[in-house]
Amino acid sequence: MNVMGIEFAASNLFYVSIKLQDNGSLLVSQANKLVLGDTRSREGLVAFQNAVSTLFNSAKPELIGIKSKPESGQMRAGAAALKMEGIVLANSPCFVDFVSGARINACTASDQTLHAYLQPALKAAHAALAKRMA
């Protein structure tokens, strides 16, 4: 099973894809970021949408876990995060599980080969998989 974890930060989409091996171990297969260049330009949004489609076509996720951001309050998501989230949801080839900050914090998964900014996306993938397997 291929599971993708996603976190939105500013105008970045950080992602980590993990693959559940036959022996039950998890292997990181892809990890990187996509950037939404201009939040108020059609061309910028279309370019981001094309990048998301290309990512989904190459990673072939069967489950996506997205670190959720509140839509209101002090820690609310910005305009770029909401636009990126909408594009991801509209183009998702599979079920999307929104993973709360509490579930992210409770997840002990880590991979020392990944940059620190990719760790929340890794934890979102692990948490979504754990919920599905439960």
N, C-alpha and C. Protein backbone atom coordinates (compact mmCIF):
# COMPACT_ATOMS: atom_id res chain seq x y z
N MET A 1 0.84 -1.18 0.00
CA MET A 1 0.00 0.00 0.00
C MET A 1 0.88 1.24 0.00
N ASN A 2 0.54 2.21 -0.82
CA ASN A 2 1.24 3.49 -0.89
C ASN A 2 0.42 4.53 -0.13
N VAL A 3 1.06 5.19 0.81
CA VAL A 3 0.40 6.22 1.61
C VAL A 3 1.21 7.50 1.50
N MET A 4 0.53 8.61 1.27
CA MET A 4 1.19 9.90 1.18
C MET A 4 0.76 10.77 2.33
N GLY A 5 1.73 11.39 2.99
CA GLY A 5 1.47 12.37 4.03
C GLY A 5 1.77 13.76 3.49
N ILE A 6 0.92 14.71 3.86
CA ILE A 6 1.05 16.08 3.35
C ILE A 6 0.92 17.06 4.49
N GLU A 7 1.76 18.09 4.46
CA GLU A 7 1.62 19.23 5.36
C GLU A 7 1.74 20.50 4.53
N PHE A 8 0.89 21.48 4.83
CA PHE A 8 0.94 22.78 4.19
C PHE A 8 1.60 23.77 5.14
N ALA A 9 2.56 24.52 4.66
CA ALA A 9 3.21 25.56 5.45
C ALA A 9 3.50 26.73 4.52
N ALA A 10 2.90 27.87 4.84
CA ALA A 10 2.99 29.06 3.98
C ALA A 10 2.51 28.67 2.58
N SER A 11 3.34 28.83 1.56
CA SER A 11 2.92 28.45 0.21
C SER A 11 3.60 27.16 -0.25
N ASN A 12 4.01 26.34 0.72
CA ASN A 12 4.66 25.06 0.43
C ASN A 12 3.75 23.89 0.76
N LEU A 13 3.82 22.87 -0.05
CA LEU A 13 3.19 21.59 0.23
C LEU A 13 4.34 20.61 0.41
N PHE A 14 4.51 20.13 1.63
CA PHE A 14 5.54 19.13 1.92
C PHE A 14 4.89 17.76 1.86
N TYR A 15 5.53 16.81 1.20
CA TYR A 15 4.94 15.48 1.10
C TYR A 15 5.99 14.40 1.33
N VAL A 16 5.50 13.29 1.86
CA VAL A 16 6.31 12.09 2.03
C VAL A 16 5.42 10.91 1.65
N SER A 17 5.91 10.06 0.77
CA SER A 17 5.20 8.84 0.40
C SER A 17 5.90 7.67 1.07
N ILE A 18 5.10 6.81 1.69
CA ILE A 18 5.64 5.61 2.30
C ILE A 18 4.97 4.41 1.66
N LYS A 19 5.70 3.32 1.60
CA LYS A 19 5.19 2.10 1.01
C LYS A 19 5.23 1.01 2.07
N LEU A 20 4.08 0.37 2.28
CA LEU A 20 3.99 -0.76 3.19
C LEU A 20 4.49 -2.00 2.45
N GLN A 21 5.60 -2.56 2.95
CA GLN A 21 6.21 -3.73 2.34
C GLN A 21 5.45 -5.00 2.75
N ASP A 22 5.68 -6.08 2.03
CA ASP A 22 5.04 -7.36 2.33
C ASP A 22 5.39 -7.87 3.73
N ASN A 23 6.58 -7.52 4.22
CA ASN A 23 6.99 -7.97 5.54
C ASN A 23 6.48 -7.06 6.67
N GLY A 24 5.69 -6.04 6.31
CA GLY A 24 5.11 -5.14 7.31
C GLY A 24 5.93 -3.90 7.59
N SER A 25 7.13 -3.81 7.04
CA SER A 25 7.95 -2.62 7.26
C SER A 25 7.50 -1.50 6.32
N LEU A 26 7.87 -0.28 6.68
CA LEU A 26 7.52 0.90 5.89
C LEU A 26 8.78 1.50 5.29
N LEU A 27 8.69 1.86 4.03
CA LEU A 27 9.83 2.41 3.30
C LEU A 27 9.43 3.76 2.71
N VAL A 28 10.24 4.79 2.93
CA VAL A 28 9.99 6.09 2.32
C VAL A 28 10.36 5.98 0.84
N SER A 29 9.39 6.23 -0.03
CA SER A 29 9.65 6.12 -1.46
C SER A 29 9.85 7.47 -2.13
N GLN A 30 9.21 8.52 -1.61
CA GLN A 30 9.37 9.87 -2.17
C GLN A 30 9.21 10.87 -1.05
N ALA A 31 9.92 11.97 -1.15
CA ALA A 31 9.77 13.07 -0.20
C ALA A 31 10.30 14.34 -0.84
N ASN A 32 9.51 15.40 -0.77
CA ASN A 32 9.94 16.66 -1.36
C ASN A 32 8.90 17.73 -1.04
N LYS A 33 8.91 18.80 -1.79
CA LYS A 33 7.91 19.85 -1.62
C LYS A 33 7.49 20.38 -2.97
N LEU A 34 6.28 20.93 -2.99
CA LEU A 34 5.77 21.68 -4.13
C LEU A 34 5.51 23.09 -3.62
N VAL A 35 5.70 24.07 -4.48
CA VAL A 35 5.52 25.46 -4.08
C VAL A 35 4.43 26.10 -4.95
N LEU A 36 3.49 26.76 -4.29
CA LEU A 36 2.49 27.55 -4.99
C LEU A 36 3.08 28.94 -5.18
N GLY A 37 3.45 29.26 -6.41
CA GLY A 37 4.16 30.49 -6.69
C GLY A 37 3.36 31.75 -6.45
N ASP A 38 2.19 31.85 -7.01
CA ASP A 38 1.38 33.07 -6.90
C ASP A 38 -0.04 32.65 -6.59
N THR A 39 -0.53 33.05 -5.43
CA THR A 39 -1.86 32.62 -4.99
C THR A 39 -2.99 33.36 -5.69
N ARG A 40 -2.69 34.41 -6.39
CA ARG A 40 -3.74 35.20 -7.04
C ARG A 40 -3.61 35.23 -8.55
N SER A 41 -2.94 34.25 -9.08
CA SER A 41 -2.83 34.18 -10.53
C SER A 41 -3.33 32.82 -11.01
N ARG A 42 -4.12 32.86 -12.05
CA ARG A 42 -4.64 31.62 -12.63
C ARG A 42 -3.49 30.72 -13.06
N GLU A 43 -2.48 31.30 -13.67
CA GLU A 43 -1.34 30.52 -14.15
C GLU A 43 -0.63 29.83 -13.00
N GLY A 44 -0.47 30.53 -11.88
CA GLY A 44 0.18 29.93 -10.71
C GLY A 44 -0.62 28.76 -10.15
N LEU A 45 -1.93 28.91 -10.09
CA LEU A 45 -2.79 27.84 -9.57
C LEU A 45 -2.82 26.65 -10.53
N VAL A 46 -2.87 26.92 -11.82
CA VAL A 46 -2.87 25.84 -12.81
C VAL A 46 -1.54 25.09 -12.77
N ALA A 47 -0.44 25.82 -12.65
CA ALA A 47 0.88 25.18 -12.57
C ALA A 47 0.96 24.29 -11.33
N PHE A 48 0.43 24.77 -10.20
CA PHE A 48 0.43 23.98 -8.98
C PHE A 48 -0.46 22.74 -9.16
N GLN A 49 -1.61 22.92 -9.76
CA GLN A 49 -2.51 21.79 -9.99
C GLN A 49 -1.84 20.74 -10.89
N ASN A 50 -1.14 21.17 -11.91
CA ASN A 50 -0.43 20.23 -12.79
C ASN A 50 0.67 19.49 -12.02
N ALA A 51 1.36 20.20 -11.13
CA ALA A 51 2.41 19.56 -10.33
C ALA A 51 1.80 18.52 -9.39
N VAL A 52 0.64 18.83 -8.80
CA VAL A 52 -0.04 17.88 -7.91
C VAL A 52 -0.48 16.66 -8.71
N SER A 53 -1.03 16.85 -9.89
CA SER A 53 -1.46 15.73 -10.72
C SER A 53 -0.27 14.85 -11.10
N THR A 54 0.83 15.46 -11.45
CA THR A 54 2.04 14.71 -11.78
C THR A 54 2.53 13.92 -10.58
N LEU A 55 2.51 14.54 -9.41
CA LEU A 55 2.91 13.86 -8.17
C LEU A 55 2.03 12.65 -7.91
N PHE A 56 0.72 12.83 -8.00
CA PHE A 56 -0.20 11.72 -7.75
C PHE A 56 -0.03 10.60 -8.78
N ASN A 57 0.23 10.96 -10.02
CA ASN A 57 0.44 9.95 -11.06
C ASN A 57 1.72 9.15 -10.82
N SER A 58 2.76 9.79 -10.29
CA SER A 58 4.01 9.07 -10.06
C SER A 58 3.99 8.29 -8.75
N ALA A 59 3.39 8.86 -7.70
CA ALA A 59 3.38 8.20 -6.39
C ALA A 59 2.29 7.14 -6.27
N LYS A 60 1.21 7.32 -7.00
CA LYS A 60 0.06 6.40 -6.97
C LYS A 60 -0.40 6.10 -5.53
N PRO A 61 -0.74 7.16 -4.77
CA PRO A 61 -1.18 6.92 -3.39
C PRO A 61 -2.52 6.20 -3.33
N GLU A 62 -2.65 5.33 -2.34
CA GLU A 62 -3.90 4.64 -2.09
C GLU A 62 -4.60 5.22 -0.87
N LEU A 63 -3.90 6.09 -0.16
CA LEU A 63 -4.41 6.79 1.01
C LEU A 63 -3.56 8.04 1.18
N ILE A 64 -4.21 9.15 1.50
CA ILE A 64 -3.49 10.40 1.75
C ILE A 64 -3.86 10.89 3.13
N GLY A 65 -2.85 11.23 3.92
CA GLY A 65 -3.05 11.84 5.23
C GLY A 65 -2.57 13.28 5.16
N ILE A 66 -3.46 14.22 5.49
CA ILE A 66 -3.11 15.64 5.46
C ILE A 66 -3.15 16.17 6.89
N LYS A 67 -2.05 16.82 7.30
CA LYS A 67 -2.03 17.46 8.61
C LYS A 67 -3.03 18.61 8.56
N SER A 68 -4.07 18.49 9.39
CA SER A 68 -5.15 19.48 9.32
C SER A 68 -4.74 20.79 9.97
N LYS A 69 -5.29 21.86 9.43
CA LYS A 69 -5.10 23.20 9.98
C LYS A 69 -6.49 23.78 10.22
N PRO A 70 -6.67 24.45 11.34
CA PRO A 70 -7.99 25.05 11.59
C PRO A 70 -8.28 26.15 10.57
N GLU A 71 -9.56 26.34 10.29
CA GLU A 71 -9.97 27.37 9.34
C GLU A 71 -10.22 28.71 10.02
N SER A 72 -10.25 28.70 11.36
CA SER A 72 -10.43 29.96 12.10
C SER A 72 -9.57 29.91 13.35
N GLY A 73 -9.43 31.06 14.00
CA GLY A 73 -8.62 31.14 15.21
C GLY A 73 -7.20 31.60 14.92
N GLN A 74 -6.39 31.66 15.98
CA GLN A 74 -5.03 32.17 15.84
C GLN A 74 -4.14 31.31 14.95
N MET A 75 -4.32 30.02 14.98
CA MET A 75 -3.46 29.12 14.21
C MET A 75 -4.08 28.72 12.88
N ARG A 76 -5.01 29.52 12.37
CA ARG A 76 -5.75 29.17 11.16
C ARG A 76 -4.84 29.11 9.94
N ALA A 77 -5.33 28.38 8.97
CA ALA A 77 -4.60 28.23 7.71
C ALA A 77 -4.69 29.53 6.92
N GLY A 78 -3.64 29.84 6.21
CA GLY A 78 -3.63 31.02 5.36
C GLY A 78 -4.29 30.73 4.03
N ALA A 79 -4.41 31.78 3.24
CA ALA A 79 -5.07 31.65 1.93
C ALA A 79 -4.37 30.65 1.04
N ALA A 80 -3.03 30.66 1.04
CA ALA A 80 -2.30 29.72 0.19
C ALA A 80 -2.57 28.28 0.61
N ALA A 81 -2.56 28.01 1.91
CA ALA A 81 -2.80 26.64 2.39
C ALA A 81 -4.20 26.17 2.01
N LEU A 82 -5.19 27.03 2.13
CA LEU A 82 -6.55 26.65 1.77
C LEU A 82 -6.68 26.38 0.26
N LYS A 83 -6.02 27.18 -0.55
CA LYS A 83 -6.06 26.95 -1.99
C LYS A 83 -5.36 25.64 -2.36
N MET A 84 -4.19 25.41 -1.75
CA MET A 84 -3.47 24.16 -2.03
C MET A 84 -4.29 22.96 -1.58
N GLU A 85 -4.91 23.07 -0.41
CA GLU A 85 -5.75 21.98 0.10
C GLU A 85 -6.90 21.66 -0.86
N GLY A 86 -7.54 22.71 -1.37
CA GLY A 86 -8.63 22.52 -2.33
C GLY A 86 -8.16 21.82 -3.60
N ILE A 87 -7.00 22.20 -4.10
CA ILE A 87 -6.47 21.57 -5.31
C ILE A 87 -6.13 20.11 -5.04
N VAL A 88 -5.54 19.83 -3.88
CA VAL A 88 -5.20 18.44 -3.53
C VAL A 88 -6.47 17.60 -3.43
N LEU A 89 -7.48 18.12 -2.73
CA LEU A 89 -8.73 17.37 -2.58
C LEU A 89 -9.41 17.13 -3.93
N ALA A 90 -9.44 18.13 -4.78
CA ALA A 90 -10.10 18.00 -6.09
C ALA A 90 -9.38 17.00 -7.00
N ASN A 91 -8.10 16.83 -6.81
CA ASN A 91 -7.32 15.95 -7.68
C ASN A 91 -6.95 14.62 -7.04
N SER A 92 -7.35 14.41 -5.81
CA SER A 92 -6.97 13.20 -5.09
C SER A 92 -7.53 11.95 -5.75
N PRO A 93 -6.67 10.95 -5.98
CA PRO A 93 -7.14 9.71 -6.58
C PRO A 93 -7.66 8.70 -5.55
N CYS A 94 -7.69 9.10 -4.27
CA CYS A 94 -8.04 8.15 -3.21
C CYS A 94 -8.63 8.89 -2.01
N PHE A 95 -8.93 8.13 -0.97
CA PHE A 95 -9.47 8.70 0.27
C PHE A 95 -8.43 9.61 0.93
N VAL A 96 -8.91 10.72 1.50
CA VAL A 96 -8.05 11.65 2.21
C VAL A 96 -8.48 11.69 3.67
N ASP A 97 -7.53 11.47 4.57
CA ASP A 97 -7.77 11.52 6.01
C ASP A 97 -7.09 12.77 6.55
N PHE A 98 -7.86 13.64 7.20
CA PHE A 98 -7.28 14.81 7.84
C PHE A 98 -6.79 14.40 9.22
N VAL A 99 -5.52 14.60 9.47
CA VAL A 99 -4.86 14.15 10.69
C VAL A 99 -4.67 15.35 11.61
N SER A 100 -5.22 15.26 12.80
CA SER A 100 -5.14 16.38 13.75
C SER A 100 -3.72 16.55 14.28
N GLY A 101 -3.47 17.72 14.81
CA GLY A 101 -2.18 17.99 15.43
C GLY A 101 -1.90 17.05 16.59
N ALA A 102 -2.95 16.67 17.32
CA ALA A 102 -2.78 15.74 18.44
C ALA A 102 -2.32 14.37 17.95
N ARG A 103 -2.91 13.90 16.83
CA ARG A 103 -2.49 12.61 16.26
C ARG A 103 -1.06 12.70 15.72
N ILE A 104 -0.70 13.83 15.16
CA ILE A 104 0.67 14.04 14.67
C ILE A 104 1.64 13.97 15.85
N ASN A 105 1.30 14.69 16.93
CA ASN A 105 2.19 14.72 18.10
C ASN A 105 2.30 13.36 18.76
N ALA A 106 1.25 12.55 18.70
CA ALA A 106 1.28 11.22 19.31
C ALA A 106 2.05 10.21 18.47
N CYS A 107 2.26 10.52 17.20
CA CYS A 107 2.96 9.60 16.30
C CYS A 107 4.46 9.64 16.58
N THR A 108 5.04 8.49 16.73
CA THR A 108 6.47 8.41 17.04
C THR A 108 7.34 8.17 15.80
N ALA A 109 6.73 8.08 14.64
CA ALA A 109 7.49 7.81 13.42
C ALA A 109 8.49 8.92 13.15
N SER A 110 9.66 8.53 12.69
CA SER A 110 10.64 9.50 12.23
C SER A 110 11.61 8.80 11.30
N ASP A 111 12.25 9.57 10.47
CA ASP A 111 13.24 9.06 9.55
C ASP A 111 14.37 10.08 9.52
N GLN A 112 15.50 9.70 10.04
CA GLN A 112 16.62 10.63 10.17
C GLN A 112 17.22 11.05 8.83
N THR A 113 16.86 10.36 7.76
CA THR A 113 17.36 10.74 6.44
C THR A 113 16.54 11.89 5.85
N LEU A 114 15.39 12.19 6.45
CA LEU A 114 14.54 13.28 5.95
C LEU A 114 14.84 14.58 6.70
N HIS A 115 14.69 15.70 6.01
CA HIS A 115 14.82 17.00 6.66
C HIS A 115 13.75 17.16 7.72
N ALA A 116 14.01 17.99 8.71
CA ALA A 116 13.06 18.21 9.81
C ALA A 116 11.72 18.73 9.29
N TYR A 117 11.73 19.55 8.24
CA TYR A 117 10.47 20.10 7.74
C TYR A 117 9.59 19.05 7.07
N LEU A 118 10.13 17.87 6.77
CA LEU A 118 9.34 16.80 6.18
C LEU A 118 8.77 15.83 7.22
N GLN A 119 9.21 15.93 8.46
CA GLN A 119 8.78 15.00 9.51
C GLN A 119 7.27 15.04 9.76
N PRO A 120 6.62 16.24 9.81
CA PRO A 120 5.16 16.23 10.00
C PRO A 120 4.40 15.51 8.87
N ALA A 121 4.87 15.62 7.64
CA ALA A 121 4.24 14.90 6.53
C ALA A 121 4.43 13.40 6.69
N LEU A 122 5.60 12.98 7.14
CA LEU A 122 5.84 11.56 7.41
C LEU A 122 4.90 11.07 8.50
N LYS A 123 4.75 11.85 9.55
CA LYS A 123 3.87 11.45 10.65
C LYS A 123 2.41 11.42 10.20
N ALA A 124 2.01 12.32 9.31
CA ALA A 124 0.64 12.31 8.78
C ALA A 124 0.39 11.02 8.00
N ALA A 125 1.37 10.58 7.23
CA ALA A 125 1.23 9.32 6.47
C ALA A 125 1.12 8.14 7.43
N HIS A 126 1.99 8.10 8.44
CA HIS A 126 1.96 7.01 9.41
C HIS A 126 0.64 6.99 10.19
N ALA A 127 0.17 8.17 10.61
CA ALA A 127 -1.07 8.23 11.39
C ALA A 127 -2.27 7.81 10.55
N ALA A 128 -2.31 8.23 9.29
CA ALA A 128 -3.42 7.83 8.41
C ALA A 128 -3.41 6.32 8.18
N LEU A 129 -2.23 5.76 8.00
CA LEU A 129 -2.12 4.31 7.80
C LEU A 129 -2.54 3.56 9.07
N ALA A 130 -2.08 4.04 10.22
CA ALA A 130 -2.43 3.38 11.49
C ALA A 130 -3.94 3.39 11.71
N LYS A 131 -4.59 4.51 11.38
CA LYS A 131 -6.04 4.60 11.54
C LYS A 131 -6.75 3.64 10.60
N ARG A 132 -6.26 3.53 9.37
CA ARG A 132 -6.88 2.64 8.41
C ARG A 132 -6.70 1.17 8.82
N MET A 133 -5.54 0.84 9.39
CA MET A 133 -5.25 -0.55 9.76
C MET A 133 -5.97 -0.95 11.06
N ALA A 134 -6.42 0.03 11.82
CA ALA A 134 -7.08 -0.28 13.11
C ALA A 134 -8.46 -0.87 12.93
